[in-house]
Amino acid sequence: MWIVYALIVHVLLLGSIFVIYFRSPVIEGLHPQPALPAEPPADRLVLIVTDGLRADSFFTDNCNHVPHLREIFLRDGLVGISRTHVPTESRPGHIALIAGLYEDPSAVTRGWKENPIEFDTVFNRSGHTYAWGAHDVLHIFEKLTDGGRPMYFDAYHDLDFSGQQKTYKQDEWVFQRVRQLLKRKQEELRSAKKVVFFLHLLGLDTAGHVHKPGTPLFLENLQFTENEIAQIYEKFEEIFPDKRTAYLLTSDHGMTDSGSHGAGAAHETETPFMLWGAGVARSASPASSFMANDEGQKLPLHELEQAQLAPLMSALIGLPPPMNNFGMLPSGYMSVGVEYEAMAAQSNALQLLAQYTRLHEQHQRGLFTPYMKSFKKLTTLGIFDFSTKTATFAESSDMMQLALEGIDYYHGYYRNVMLLCTTATFLGWILYLYRLLIQGPSIRKQPSTGSGDASALTLSIAIGGVFLIGFIVAQFVPFAVGFYMLLPLPVWLLALRQTGSNSNIEVCDYRYPSVVRRGQVSKLQFVLLIACAELLVYTFFERRLISLCFVAFAFGSNWSNFKRNSSQFYIWILLVLVLGGFPLLPPSVGYQNRYLLLGGIVLVLLRAVLSNGSRSYSWHTKWCNPLILINTAVCVHLHSQQVAVPMPLKVASWLYLVYAVVSIQLNKEKALELRLAHILYNLSALYTLLCTSYESLFVQLLAMELSIALAAQCQGMDSLQQQYHQRSLQSSLRLAFTVLLYTFFSLFGSGNIASISSFDPNIARCFLSQFAPFMIMSLVLVKLILPVVLNLSIVYTYCDYARKQERQIFICLLIICDIMGLNFLFLVRNTGSWLEIGSSISHFVIMEATTLVLLLLSYLAKYLLRLNSCDRAVTKHH
């Protein structure tokens, strides 16, 4: 039953950081501000988003890669850097641009496809909106309530990244559709006011993923796109000669050199923006400058936050900011009178104050509010005075700062309480696991004994729970917040449960020890367990540190198990040293090397031929596995030559994905080592299908090292040692740490980093030619779990202790993971640099997910090995 508890508790803990740090920013029950009561500087806005274009690609080499756009900003408008928010993905970036708010975390419950709570956008406030681009982006805004306003969306679905078609074809499709609309409806559009044209250009994002930023093929797409943007600008000026069109060119997010995005590195968060046309100033007091051409001409480099573009776009065409906007109108960006700029700023301030007022009213409903803290910097009278006067830009700017501060105050009102409650949940759960570990529960029938201490403690927790529920109800605490405030109570009741109060019921008896020594020894071992967890925490911040951990642990645990001067001993040392060098290499995400991948293919075949279990392979395995490896080599070669992978080869890859698992189950072999040989052969071949460089080599060498080390450990242990070994907590701790260390080492050593958002679509080149993010991400997850399944299979095969004491090992593993998770809970940040925020979230999510994944994958490994008897033995103890 403890496994069910573990799954439930860790899923709940995983969701805790989103409630504590990242609650939904969307405030409901708001009303839009009135339109600005003055003639705006522009009648129409053209918003062009070059998806995935980072600032470096725009400004590098004195802007020589964007010569046509350079001609525009040398004579007109503003240019600079817009800083995005993590996660640096297309959906959050576009919502920040068009709605002025950062992504609602609850959108993950609908796969980032739907909007759990509707929010307001520039499109909703406009008179008409016309949009073209990829369906995944336009779909975000297509289903929002438009209030009856005409909104026209035209999207494409299929995105080819095989290399057969040029990536700029996606942008070409958009430009063609825009020209067709302008030609067809030019007379109608000339008389329209407050119109928004939205051009979403995905070509550069696809080129960056496939070809990587800065490569010739990426620059080819950039040159095509920037030339077409300049031409479409001339087309708009031709259709609308009244000079009342404003233009904004920017990007939703950037991209790393490896072609990934999602985290908070500078290349991912810094995007270019270019603002010109009607109502745009020439300079706005920038902090720095940049070299604009080879002649040495310098221009001001402006900087702003991505969300600030939403109120700026609104002000240019006379719209109020979106109701849910969190951006502040930047000063000096519009070439308008002081009165109009002040009017736009006051509308922005009133819109932010409306959100603050709504949150303040919700807080005031509580029965205990008069006795609790409140935000003192804003008062009802002060807000009323501001809303009834004509404010200056400076006064509105100060009010916006206070409103944002107040919104953040009430959004995080219960943050410290929830952090304390979640910590209590962690500690209660760790106590429960620790008692299971050192006292070995057995299920027995227990008559009522009426334990006074247990009853008093249970009664105290129950009374505390009643009072807490009363507070939550009376104070109208949000449901999610109240849930996490109450969560420690059942967890601590579970941890402290000793005897039942009813007769003849099943209870946990803690009298029977499951370890040889108790008392002082078990406490020292628990301290060692904490030290192991803390050591692994540091590897998340410095990927190369895991090399030191691996080499030190391998030598410390296994050196004495080998016979000196034996060939096996020297092979093992060589493997450890070689493997220790892999995390020192650059991450493999986005890195491609055909020769290293070919080396991995050759190693798979050599290991299969030289393996002791090679004669047990079925005839179809002897044919299918070499053929799929040849298929891999052919697909990689074709992809590198920008030739589309033929459909038969892709079908073969998908069929092998199923065959790799099914054929293992069809194998009737009973001997564990022979079954392991088949598992290693099939899953290594499947893993190689998903590799781009040295990952296959690394994972196979790691499997070899682990097999040799565990085999030597079993051989070097006499019967007396084995008897003690079977009852030793230290053995459980060592094996738990082995599983966890090899899991992280297989991730970080094979080129991955401690991030949940970066992936390379090229790993799917043998399976897909269309850019399908969720399908690619599924293949990424398969690639990540395969080395873990291999490692667990090796542990179960060579270590009899792992099969007999699986429960004890996994309890140790859970305690280590939970101690690490508690560290990362306090390291999560929602302020500071985007890199710090994104990394802190990734670390906590990875840690909590690892616990669940290892539990589930252990059953997969036993299923492949057919360890049914082990399953039954474990079940008896539950």
Foldseek 3Di string as FASTA:
>chain_A
DVLVVLVVLLVLLLCLCCLQPNAFLDDPDFDADDFQPDAFLFFEEEEEAAAAAFPCLCPPPLRPLQVLVLVVLVVWFAKAKAFEFFQLDLQQLVCLQFQQDGDHVVCVVVVVQEDPDAFWTLCLQFQEEEEEAACSRVSHVPPHDNVPHHYHYYHDYWQFLLLQDQLLVRVVVQLVVVVVCCVVCLVVVQPHGRYYYYYYGHSLLSCCQRVNPPDPSSSVSSSVNSVSVSVVVVVVCVSHVPQRYKYKYKHSFHADRLSWGRFFDNRTGIMMMTIGTGFFDSDFPAPAWGRNHPVRDIGGHHYDYSSLNQLVVCLNRRTQGILSRLHAPGPPGTPDDQQSLLSSLLSPLVSLVSSLVSLVVLQVQFPCSVVDDALDPDDPVNSVVSVPDRDGNVVSVVSSVSSSVSSVCSSNVCSVLLLVLSLLLLVLQLLQLLLCQFQPWFKDFAFADPDPVLVVVLVVLVVVLVVLVVNCVRSVPDPSSSVSSNNSSVSNNSSSDDDDRHGGDIDTHRHHTLFDDDDPVSVVVVVVLLVLLVQVLVCQVPVLVLLVVQLVLLCVPFVVLDDPPDPLNVLLNVLSVVLSCLLVDAFCNSPFDLVLLVVLLVVLVVCLVPPPLVVLQDPVLVPLLNVLSVLLSVLLVCSVVSHARDPVLQVSLVVLVVVLQVSLVVRPDQQLSNSLSSNSSSLLSNLSLLGRGNLSVSLVSLLVSLLSRLQSNVVRADPVRVVNCLRHLVNLLSVLSVLVSQLSSSQSSSRHHLADGIHRLVSCSSHDRTDDPVVSVVVVVSSSCSSSLSSLSSCVNRPVSCLQPVVSNLSSNSSSLSSSLSVLSVQADPDDRSNSNRSSSSNNSVSSVVSVSNVVSNVVSCVSSVVVVSVVNVVNSD
